[in-house]
């Protein structure tokens, strides 16, 4: 297309190969989101001897860095697609560099001491976060360019969540198993970091091929995004998108609060396994209970969304997760195997919380382009939206780990160094207040956050009719 005309709508059914290739990217997403969230704080407090508050600060600083760079990467990705016709370049760089930094994050020996260990982990994790953002921001932008069909986006993102669910199971259960495979924590964490980093990188590299399909869909990009931009202009572009799009504000607000809710559960799972259930290996069972049902539930949420609309299905999933997580509070008084059943119900809801908002985001992007008419600032800007989106998701997950570390610090949690603790410490080292704090950070805290997330969701006004009615040039 050399005459500047808008590309035709891409609402035809996506090829199975495109859906599979795109979904494989969730191997990387699931690995990066799961393992650091599950074990990084625990790795710092119970392997390197870093104080709980300092461990939470390390995770938070790395995630704040994500917030800073994600909007810049989004705008740069838009410029790249304008210049080359593809977002693939950034995705490949991220896929090739993440395995190195990920392995280095878990390669720090306890003999360095808590201070040096904390600094080393922080620097390595900053590199990991940067590499992941280079992949993730353009990756999330692709569905808006692959198809503009309301239900086809749900199908595309539904299969992505199926793979994401399998990846979370694989990394959530397999990561701790690898950590224990050597019989020694230092080499175990290193083995986990190397194997998981390579698996994440391979998944990301395969998914980067999907960017070629998006090229055929979007045609020649608008020249309005060409040329160098100052950093201030990049940030302003993202904030303009946030300010002008009420559906984007509502969806982002909901998603950030829910990322915070699920982030607290993720960061607290290892502590629940060890100090509430009395078995460090129970974290694998918790993960299977949380994520396993999602393999079956994701297609069900897709079917429900076709019947009642994505926003109503999303509301139903949010309420279900709220009730399931709140019920876990009873573990303060009666811990036991029943907890797995409550977590499984939350897992059914979790499938909807993952697939539905991601299927709604491309609708928001397309709607913004439609209502903008011929405004060039609203076309070819999927990366701008996803840069803000990924930054918001990062804030949620980062603050989730921070919230858990604050609860641990406030309730007197005792950090340990690998090789120093005794077997009896498993039952006696933590005060009752710390164990109660662990349960509350895994139950009532995410329930309250989920309740708050429903408020912005009620302000989301886009419906199927708004998307299906879009003119041909709005894709």
Protein backbone atom coordinates (compact mmCIF):
# COMPACT_ATOMS: atom_id res chain seq x y z
CA UNK A 1 0.00 0.00 0.00
CA UNK A 2 1.83 3.11 -1.18
CA UNK A 3 -1.07 5.56 -1.36
CA UNK A 4 -1.46 5.93 2.41
CA UNK A 5 -4.86 4.22 2.48
CA UNK A 6 -5.83 2.36 5.62
CA UNK A 7 -5.36 -1.42 5.55
CA UNK A 8 -8.40 -3.55 5.09
CA UNK A 9 -9.97 -5.25 8.06
CA UNK A 10 -8.35 -8.52 9.06
CA UNK A 11 -11.38 -10.22 10.51
CA UNK A 12 -11.02 -13.53 8.65
CA UNK A 13 -10.27 -16.64 10.66
CA UNK A 14 -6.63 -16.82 11.70
CA UNK A 15 -4.58 -19.80 10.47
CA UNK A 16 -3.90 -22.44 13.10
CA UNK A 17 -0.16 -22.01 12.57
CA UNK A 18 -0.35 -18.33 13.47
CA UNK A 19 -2.31 -19.08 16.63
CA UNK A 20 0.09 -21.84 17.71
CA UNK A 21 3.21 -19.78 17.02
CA UNK A 22 1.83 -16.79 18.89
CA UNK A 23 0.67 -18.93 21.82
CA UNK A 24 4.15 -20.44 22.26
CA UNK A 25 5.33 -17.01 23.35
CA UNK A 26 3.45 -17.60 26.56
CA UNK A 27 6.07 -20.19 27.48
CA UNK A 28 8.34 -17.18 27.95
CA UNK A 29 5.68 -15.04 29.58
CA UNK A 30 4.65 -17.80 31.96
CA UNK A 31 8.21 -18.63 32.94
CA UNK A 32 9.24 -15.05 33.60
CA UNK A 33 6.06 -14.20 35.49
CA UNK A 34 6.05 -17.39 37.53
CA UNK A 35 9.53 -18.24 38.74
CA UNK A 36 10.72 -14.81 39.91
CA UNK A 37 7.35 -14.15 41.51
CA UNK A 38 7.36 -17.55 43.18
CA UNK A 39 10.94 -17.96 44.35
CA UNK A 40 12.90 -14.70 44.05
CA UNK A 41 11.86 -13.18 47.37
CA UNK A 42 12.22 -16.58 49.03
CA UNK A 43 15.63 -17.04 47.35
CA UNK A 44 16.78 -13.76 48.84
CA UNK A 45 15.43 -14.30 52.36
CA UNK A 46 16.00 -18.03 52.85
CA UNK A 47 19.10 -18.67 50.72
CA UNK A 48 21.10 -15.45 50.72
CA UNK A 49 20.08 -14.18 54.16
CA UNK A 50 18.69 -10.87 52.88
CA UNK A 51 16.17 -9.23 55.22
CA UNK A 52 12.53 -9.52 54.09
CA UNK A 53 12.09 -5.76 53.68
CA UNK A 54 15.28 -5.46 51.62
CA UNK A 55 14.24 -8.44 49.48
CA UNK A 56 10.95 -6.77 48.68
CA UNK A 57 12.77 -3.54 47.84
CA UNK A 58 15.03 -5.36 45.37
CA UNK A 59 12.08 -6.85 43.51
CA UNK A 60 10.29 -3.49 43.54
CA UNK A 61 13.27 -1.52 42.18
CA UNK A 62 13.65 -3.95 39.28
CA UNK A 63 9.96 -3.67 38.46
CA UNK A 64 10.01 0.13 38.71
CA UNK A 65 12.72 0.00 36.07
CA UNK A 66 10.24 -1.89 33.89
CA UNK A 67 7.71 0.87 34.39
CA UNK A 68 10.26 3.43 33.21
CA UNK A 69 11.32 1.59 30.06
CA UNK A 70 8.09 -0.09 28.91
CA UNK A 71 6.47 3.06 27.45
CA UNK A 72 9.76 3.88 25.69
CA UNK A 73 9.98 0.36 24.24
CA UNK A 74 6.35 0.61 23.11
CA UNK A 75 6.96 3.85 21.24
CA UNK A 76 10.22 2.53 19.82
CA UNK A 77 8.38 -0.59 18.64
CA UNK A 78 5.88 1.61 16.81
CA UNK A 79 8.77 3.40 15.12
CA UNK A 80 10.35 0.09 14.21
CA UNK A 81 7.18 -1.21 12.58
CA UNK A 82 6.90 2.09 10.68
CA UNK A 83 10.47 1.85 9.48
CA UNK A 84 10.76 -1.91 8.77
CA UNK A 85 7.16 -3.17 8.71
CA UNK A 86 7.75 -5.53 11.64
CA UNK A 87 8.10 -5.54 15.44
CA UNK A 88 10.26 -8.66 15.35
CA UNK A 89 13.67 -7.03 15.94
CA UNK A 90 13.08 -6.10 19.57
CA UNK A 91 11.45 -9.48 20.25
CA UNK A 92 14.51 -11.37 19.01
CA UNK A 93 16.94 -9.25 21.05
CA UNK A 94 14.90 -9.92 24.18
CA UNK A 95 14.73 -13.67 23.47
CA UNK A 96 18.51 -13.96 23.01
CA UNK A 97 19.60 -11.93 26.05
CA UNK A 98 17.07 -13.01 28.70
CA UNK A 99 18.52 -16.51 29.32
CA UNK A 100 21.90 -15.04 30.28
CA UNK A 101 20.55 -12.51 32.77
CA UNK A 102 18.00 -14.97 34.17
CA UNK A 103 20.71 -17.53 34.96
CA UNK A 104 22.90 -14.84 36.56
CA UNK A 105 20.02 -13.82 38.84
CA UNK A 106 20.11 -17.24 40.53
CA UNK A 107 23.89 -17.76 40.34
CA UNK A 108 24.84 -15.68 43.40
CA UNK A 109 26.57 -17.73 46.15
CA UNK A 110 25.52 -17.10 49.79
CA UNK A 111 29.20 -16.78 50.75
CA UNK A 112 29.23 -13.26 49.29
CA UNK A 113 27.17 -12.04 52.21
CA UNK A 114 23.68 -10.47 52.23
CA UNK A 115 24.72 -7.00 51.02
CA UNK A 116 26.84 -8.08 48.04
CA UNK A 117 24.35 -10.81 47.18
CA UNK A 118 21.47 -8.35 47.18
CA UNK A 119 23.29 -5.95 44.84
CA UNK A 120 24.28 -8.75 42.47
CA UNK A 121 20.75 -10.12 42.27
CA UNK A 122 19.39 -6.63 41.68
CA UNK A 123 21.72 -5.93 38.74
CA UNK A 124 21.10 -9.32 37.12
CA UNK A 125 17.35 -9.03 37.54
CA UNK A 126 17.40 -5.52 36.04
CA UNK A 127 18.99 -7.05 32.94
CA UNK A 128 16.38 -9.83 32.93
CA UNK A 129 13.55 -7.33 33.20
CA UNK A 130 14.91 -5.23 30.33
CA UNK A 131 15.28 -8.25 28.06
CA UNK A 132 11.77 -9.42 28.84
CA UNK A 133 10.26 -5.99 28.14
CA UNK A 134 11.96 -5.89 24.73
CA UNK A 135 9.99 -9.01 23.88
CA UNK A 136 6.77 -8.56 25.82
CA UNK A 137 5.73 -5.05 24.78
CA UNK A 138 5.68 -5.75 21.00
CA UNK A 139 4.33 -9.26 21.66
CA UNK A 140 1.24 -7.89 23.40
CA UNK A 141 0.76 -5.38 20.55
CA UNK A 142 0.48 -8.08 17.86
CA UNK A 143 -3.16 -9.26 18.40
CA UNK A 144 -4.50 -5.82 17.42
CA UNK A 145 -2.60 -6.16 14.14
CA UNK A 146 -3.25 -9.83 13.46
CA UNK A 147 -7.06 -9.57 13.46
CA UNK A 148 -9.82 -7.12 14.32
CA UNK A 149 -12.54 -9.75 14.80
CA UNK A 150 -14.20 -9.51 18.24
CA UNK A 151 -14.48 -13.28 18.74
CA UNK A 152 -11.32 -14.09 16.77
CA UNK A 153 -9.26 -12.09 19.26
CA UNK A 154 -10.84 -14.08 22.07
CA UNK A 155 -9.91 -17.29 20.24
CA UNK A 156 -6.33 -16.11 19.69
CA UNK A 157 -5.83 -14.99 23.29
CA UNK A 158 -7.72 -18.00 24.65
CA UNK A 159 -5.20 -20.39 23.13
CA UNK A 160 -2.41 -18.17 24.35
CA UNK A 161 -3.72 -18.55 27.89
CA UNK A 162 -3.94 -22.33 27.49
CA UNK A 163 -0.21 -22.36 26.73
CA UNK A 164 0.38 -19.79 29.48
CA UNK A 165 -1.41 -22.07 31.93
CA UNK A 166 0.70 -25.05 30.89
CA UNK A 167 3.84 -22.92 31.19
CA UNK A 168 2.91 -21.77 34.68
CA UNK A 169 2.37 -25.39 35.65
CA UNK A 170 5.68 -26.38 34.12
CA UNK A 171 7.73 -23.60 35.69
CA UNK A 172 5.78 -23.40 38.94
CA UNK A 173 6.15 -27.10 39.67
CA UNK A 174 9.27 -27.89 37.65
CA UNK A 175 11.31 -24.91 38.86
CA UNK A 176 11.30 -25.91 42.53
CA UNK A 177 11.90 -29.54 41.52
CA UNK A 178 15.01 -28.49 39.58
CA UNK A 179 16.10 -26.44 42.58
CA UNK A 180 16.03 -29.60 44.73
CA UNK A 181 17.50 -31.90 42.07
CA UNK A 182 21.11 -31.40 43.11
CA UNK A 183 20.40 -31.86 46.81
CA UNK A 184 22.02 -28.53 47.57
CA UNK A 185 20.44 -25.08 47.36
CA UNK A 186 23.24 -23.08 45.73
CA UNK A 187 23.78 -25.42 42.76
CA UNK A 188 20.04 -26.15 42.68
CA UNK A 189 19.12 -22.51 42.13
CA UNK A 190 21.79 -22.22 39.44
CA UNK A 191 20.47 -25.29 37.62
CA UNK A 192 16.95 -23.88 37.81
CA UNK A 193 18.08 -20.51 36.47
CA UNK A 194 19.95 -21.96 33.49
CA UNK A 195 17.30 -24.47 32.39
CA UNK A 196 14.37 -22.11 32.90
CA UNK A 197 16.17 -19.21 31.19
CA UNK A 198 16.87 -21.25 28.06
CA UNK A 199 13.27 -22.54 27.92
CA UNK A 200 11.91 -19.00 28.26
CA UNK A 201 14.22 -17.69 25.54
CA UNK A 202 13.30 -20.45 23.08
CA UNK A 203 9.58 -19.81 23.55
CA UNK A 204 10.07 -16.10 22.95
CA UNK A 205 12.18 -16.69 19.85
CA UNK A 206 9.56 -18.95 18.28
CA UNK A 207 6.77 -16.44 18.96
CA UNK A 208 8.74 -13.64 17.32
CA UNK A 209 7.94 -15.28 13.96
CA UNK A 210 4.32 -14.21 14.40
CA UNK A 211 5.38 -10.63 13.75
CA UNK A 212 5.74 -11.59 10.08
CA UNK A 213 2.03 -12.43 9.92
CA UNK A 214 1.21 -9.04 11.42
CA UNK A 215 3.21 -7.36 8.65
CA UNK A 216 0.92 -8.82 6.03
CA UNK A 217 -2.09 -7.64 8.02
CA UNK A 218 -1.18 -4.02 8.67
CA UNK A 219 0.35 -3.13 5.34
CA UNK A 220 2.47 0.03 5.16
CA UNK A 221 2.48 1.88 8.48
CA UNK A 222 1.64 5.51 8.87
CA UNK A 223 4.66 7.79 8.38
CA UNK A 224 3.45 9.79 11.37
CA UNK A 225 5.40 7.52 13.69
CA UNK A 226 8.64 7.80 11.72
CA UNK A 227 11.64 9.79 12.85
CA UNK A 228 13.46 10.34 16.13
CA UNK A 229 11.50 11.43 19.17
CA UNK A 230 12.60 12.87 22.46
CA UNK A 231 12.01 10.87 25.60
CA UNK A 232 9.48 13.38 26.84
CA UNK A 233 7.46 13.02 23.66
CA UNK A 234 7.48 9.23 24.01
CA UNK A 235 6.02 9.38 27.50
CA UNK A 236 3.50 12.04 26.51
CA UNK A 237 2.28 9.85 23.66
CA UNK A 238 1.47 7.08 26.12
CA UNK A 239 -0.22 9.39 28.59
CA UNK A 240 -2.29 10.96 25.80
CA UNK A 241 -3.58 7.49 24.92
CA UNK A 242 -4.42 6.89 28.56
CA UNK A 243 -6.16 10.23 28.93
CA UNK A 244 -8.29 10.10 25.80
CA UNK A 245 -9.45 6.46 26.01
CA UNK A 246 -11.93 5.84 28.83
CA UNK A 247 -12.17 2.09 28.00
CA UNK A 248 -8.37 1.82 28.25
CA UNK A 249 -8.31 3.56 31.63
CA UNK A 250 -11.02 1.28 32.99
CA UNK A 251 -9.44 -1.92 31.67
CA UNK A 252 -5.93 -0.92 32.77
CA UNK A 253 -7.09 0.02 36.27
CA UNK A 254 -8.82 -3.33 36.64
CA UNK A 255 -5.87 -5.28 35.30
CA UNK A 256 -3.29 -3.54 37.52
CA UNK A 257 -5.26 -4.23 40.69
CA UNK A 258 -5.78 -7.85 39.66
CA UNK A 259 -2.08 -8.24 38.86
CA UNK A 260 -1.42 -6.96 42.37
CA UNK A 261 -3.90 -9.49 43.79
CA UNK A 262 -2.45 -12.46 41.93
CA UNK A 263 1.08 -11.19 42.60
CA UNK A 264 0.53 -11.39 46.35
CA UNK A 265 -0.69 -14.98 46.05
CA UNK A 266 2.23 -15.91 43.82
CA UNK A 267 4.82 -14.39 46.15
CA UNK A 268 3.19 -15.97 49.19
CA UNK A 269 2.81 -19.50 47.82
CA UNK A 270 6.29 -20.73 48.76
CA UNK A 271 5.87 -19.39 52.30
CA UNK A 272 2.45 -21.04 52.62
CA UNK A 273 3.92 -24.36 51.51
CA UNK A 274 6.75 -24.28 54.02
CA UNK A 275 5.30 -22.59 57.09
CA UNK A 276 1.55 -23.26 56.85
CA UNK A 277 1.42 -26.68 55.19
CA UNK A 278 4.75 -27.75 56.67
CA UNK A 279 6.29 -29.03 53.45
CA UNK A 280 8.42 -26.98 51.07
CA UNK A 281 7.53 -29.38 48.24
CA UNK A 282 3.83 -28.55 48.71
CA UNK A 283 4.38 -25.47 46.52
CA UNK A 284 4.16 -27.75 43.47
CA UNK A 285 0.78 -29.06 44.61
CA UNK A 286 -0.41 -25.52 45.22
CA UNK A 287 0.59 -24.60 41.69
CA UNK A 288 -1.12 -27.59 40.16
CA UNK A 289 -4.25 -26.72 42.17
CA UNK A 290 -4.16 -23.10 41.02
CA UNK A 291 -3.19 -23.51 37.39
CA UNK A 292 -4.35 -27.02 36.47
CA UNK A 293 -8.07 -26.18 36.34
CA UNK A 294 -7.31 -23.31 33.98
CA UNK A 295 -6.40 -25.77 31.22
CA UNK A 296 -10.04 -26.82 31.16
CA UNK A 297 -11.57 -23.52 32.23
CA UNK A 298 -10.03 -21.28 29.54
CA UNK A 299 -12.16 -22.67 26.67
CA UNK A 300 -15.18 -22.39 28.97
CA UNK A 301 -14.51 -18.69 29.60
CA UNK A 302 -14.13 -18.21 25.84
CA UNK A 303 -17.53 -19.80 25.27
CA UNK A 304 -19.10 -17.73 28.05
CA UNK A 305 -17.68 -14.52 26.61
CA UNK A 306 -19.22 -15.31 23.22
CA UNK A 307 -22.58 -15.70 24.90
CA UNK A 308 -22.65 -12.80 27.36
CA UNK A 309 -19.77 -10.57 26.25
CA UNK A 310 -16.17 -10.33 27.40
CA UNK A 311 -16.81 -7.68 30.05
CA UNK A 312 -19.54 -9.69 31.82
CA UNK A 313 -17.51 -12.89 31.71
CA UNK A 314 -14.57 -10.93 33.13
CA UNK A 315 -16.75 -9.67 35.99
CA UNK A 316 -17.86 -13.22 36.76
CA UNK A 317 -14.28 -14.47 36.88
CA UNK A 318 -13.31 -11.61 39.20
CA UNK A 319 -16.11 -12.36 41.67
CA UNK A 320 -15.28 -16.08 41.68
CA UNK A 321 -11.62 -15.38 42.42
CA UNK A 322 -12.59 -12.97 45.20
CA UNK A 323 -14.74 -15.58 46.96
CA UNK A 324 -12.18 -18.37 46.58
CA UNK A 325 -9.24 -16.34 47.88
CA UNK A 326 -11.26 -14.94 50.82
CA UNK A 327 -12.15 -18.48 51.93
CA UNK A 328 -8.45 -19.32 52.37
CA UNK A 329 -8.42 -17.01 55.39
CA UNK A 330 -9.79 -19.95 57.39
CA UNK A 331 -6.30 -21.49 57.17
CA UNK A 332 -5.28 -19.15 60.00
CA UNK A 333 -7.25 -21.45 62.32
CA UNK A 334 -7.53 -24.71 60.37
CA UNK A 335 -4.67 -25.26 57.90
CA UNK A 336 -4.93 -28.46 55.93
CA UNK A 337 -5.40 -30.21 52.60
CA UNK A 338 -8.77 -28.48 52.07
CA UNK A 339 -6.73 -25.42 51.08
CA UNK A 340 -5.92 -27.07 47.75
CA UNK A 341 -9.63 -27.17 46.84
CA UNK A 342 -10.05 -23.45 47.53
CA UNK A 343 -6.98 -22.70 45.42
CA UNK A 344 -8.41 -24.86 42.60
CA UNK A 345 -11.58 -22.74 42.54
CA UNK A 346 -9.39 -19.65 42.32
CA UNK A 347 -7.63 -21.40 39.43
CA UNK A 348 -10.87 -21.67 37.47
CA UNK A 349 -11.33 -17.93 37.88
CA UNK A 350 -7.67 -17.25 37.11
CA UNK A 351 -8.12 -18.60 33.59
CA UNK A 352 -10.69 -15.90 32.89
CA UNK A 353 -8.61 -13.20 34.55
CA UNK A 354 -5.78 -13.99 32.13
CA UNK A 355 -7.55 -14.52 28.82
CA UNK A 356 -10.41 -12.02 28.89
CA UNK A 357 -8.60 -8.71 29.56
CA UNK A 358 -5.93 -9.63 27.01
CA UNK A 359 -8.70 -10.22 24.45
CA UNK A 360 -10.30 -6.89 25.39
CA UNK A 361 -7.10 -4.85 24.95
CA UNK A 362 -7.01 -5.16 21.12
CA UNK A 363 -10.66 -4.03 21.09
CA UNK A 364 -9.65 -0.92 23.02
CA UNK A 365 -6.79 -0.19 20.61
CA UNK A 366 -9.02 -0.58 17.54
CA UNK A 367 -11.77 1.51 19.12
CA UNK A 368 -9.31 4.34 19.76
CA UNK A 369 -8.26 4.30 16.10
CA UNK A 370 -11.91 4.33 14.97
CA UNK A 371 -13.06 7.26 17.09
CA UNK A 372 -9.93 9.16 16.05
CA UNK A 373 -11.00 9.16 12.42
CA UNK A 374 -8.10 10.45 10.35
CA UNK A 375 -5.96 11.50 13.32
CA UNK A 376 -2.51 10.01 12.55
CA UNK A 377 -1.66 9.92 16.27
CA UNK A 378 -4.24 7.14 16.71
CA UNK A 379 -3.06 4.75 14.00
CA UNK A 380 -0.08 2.41 14.16
CA UNK A 381 0.19 3.01 17.91
CA UNK A 382 -0.49 -0.44 19.35
CA UNK A 383 2.97 -0.40 20.93
CA UNK A 384 2.17 2.83 22.74
CA UNK A 385 -0.86 1.20 24.37
CA UNK A 386 0.93 -2.04 25.20
CA UNK A 387 3.91 -0.17 26.65
CA UNK A 388 1.61 1.46 29.20
CA UNK A 389 -0.26 -1.84 29.69
CA UNK A 390 2.90 -3.85 30.36
CA UNK A 391 4.19 -1.16 32.72
CA UNK A 392 0.90 -1.33 34.64
CA UNK A 393 1.03 -5.12 34.82
CA UNK A 394 4.60 -4.90 36.07
CA UNK A 395 3.62 -2.44 38.79
CA UNK A 396 0.91 -4.82 39.96
CA UNK A 397 3.14 -7.88 40.19
CA UNK A 398 5.99 -5.89 41.73
CA UNK A 399 3.84 -4.39 44.44
CA UNK A 400 2.39 -7.84 45.11
CA UNK A 401 5.81 -9.13 46.11
CA UNK A 402 6.44 -5.90 48.01
CA UNK A 403 3.17 -6.26 49.93
CA UNK A 404 4.11 -9.78 50.99
CA UNK A 405 7.57 -8.67 52.12
CA UNK A 406 6.03 -5.81 54.13
CA UNK A 407 3.64 -8.22 55.85
CA UNK A 408 6.54 -10.57 56.63
CA UNK A 409 8.64 -7.74 58.02
CA UNK A 410 5.76 -6.37 60.11
CA UNK A 411 4.97 -9.78 61.61
CA UNK A 412 8.56 -10.64 62.54
CA UNK A 413 9.54 -13.11 59.82
CA UNK A 414 13.06 -14.49 60.41
CA UNK A 415 15.30 -14.74 57.33
CA UNK A 416 17.86 -17.54 57.05
CA UNK A 417 21.00 -18.40 55.10
CA UNK A 418 21.36 -21.66 53.16
CA UNK A 419 23.23 -24.30 55.12
CA UNK A 420 22.79 -22.57 58.49
CA UNK A 421 19.30 -23.60 59.61
CA UNK A 422 18.51 -26.90 61.32
CA UNK A 423 15.68 -29.29 60.65
CA UNK A 424 13.89 -28.24 63.82
CA UNK A 425 13.83 -24.65 62.56
CA UNK A 426 11.09 -25.60 60.10
CA UNK A 427 8.62 -25.81 62.99
CA UNK A 428 10.03 -23.38 65.55
CA UNK A 429 11.87 -20.47 63.93
CA UNK A 430 8.87 -18.42 62.79
CA UNK A 431 6.61 -16.68 65.32
CA UNK A 432 2.87 -17.31 65.16
CA UNK A 433 2.30 -13.74 63.97
CA UNK A 434 4.51 -14.35 60.92
CA UNK A 435 2.60 -17.52 60.00
CA UNK A 436 -0.69 -15.63 60.33
CA UNK A 437 0.71 -12.87 58.12
CA UNK A 438 1.65 -15.44 55.48
CA UNK A 439 -1.91 -16.77 55.37
CA UNK A 440 -3.46 -13.29 55.20
CA UNK A 441 -1.15 -12.23 52.37
CA UNK A 442 -2.30 -15.33 50.47
CA UNK A 443 -6.02 -14.87 51.16
CA UNK A 444 -7.70 -11.74 52.46
CA UNK A 445 -5.22 -9.32 50.87
CA UNK A 446 -5.77 -10.58 47.29
CA UNK A 447 -9.52 -10.78 47.99
CA UNK A 448 -9.64 -7.10 48.98
CA UNK A 449 -7.61 -6.10 45.94
CA UNK A 450 -9.89 -8.12 43.68
CA UNK A 451 -12.93 -6.35 45.16
CA UNK A 452 -11.33 -2.98 44.42
CA UNK A 453 -10.62 -4.04 40.82
CA UNK A 454 -14.32 -4.48 40.14
CA UNK A 455 -14.91 -0.73 40.55
CA UNK A 456 -13.03 0.37 37.39
CA UNK A 457 -14.37 -2.67 35.52
CA UNK A 458 -17.92 -1.33 35.95
CA UNK A 459 -16.79 1.75 33.95
CA UNK A 460 -15.73 -0.29 30.93
CA UNK A 461 -18.32 0.57 28.24
CA UNK A 462 -17.16 -1.22 25.08
CA UNK A 463 -19.49 -3.96 23.88
CA UNK A 464 -19.51 -6.39 20.97
CA UNK A 465 -21.66 -4.00 18.93
CA UNK A 466 -19.05 -1.24 19.28
CA UNK A 467 -16.35 -3.48 17.79
CA UNK A 468 -18.41 -5.22 15.10
CA UNK A 469 -19.71 -1.86 13.89
CA UNK A 470 -16.24 -0.49 13.17
CA UNK A 471 -15.70 0.63 9.57
CA UNK A 472 -13.27 -1.17 7.30
CA UNK A 473 -10.49 1.43 7.67
CA UNK A 474 -10.38 1.26 11.47
CA UNK A 475 -8.40 -1.94 11.84
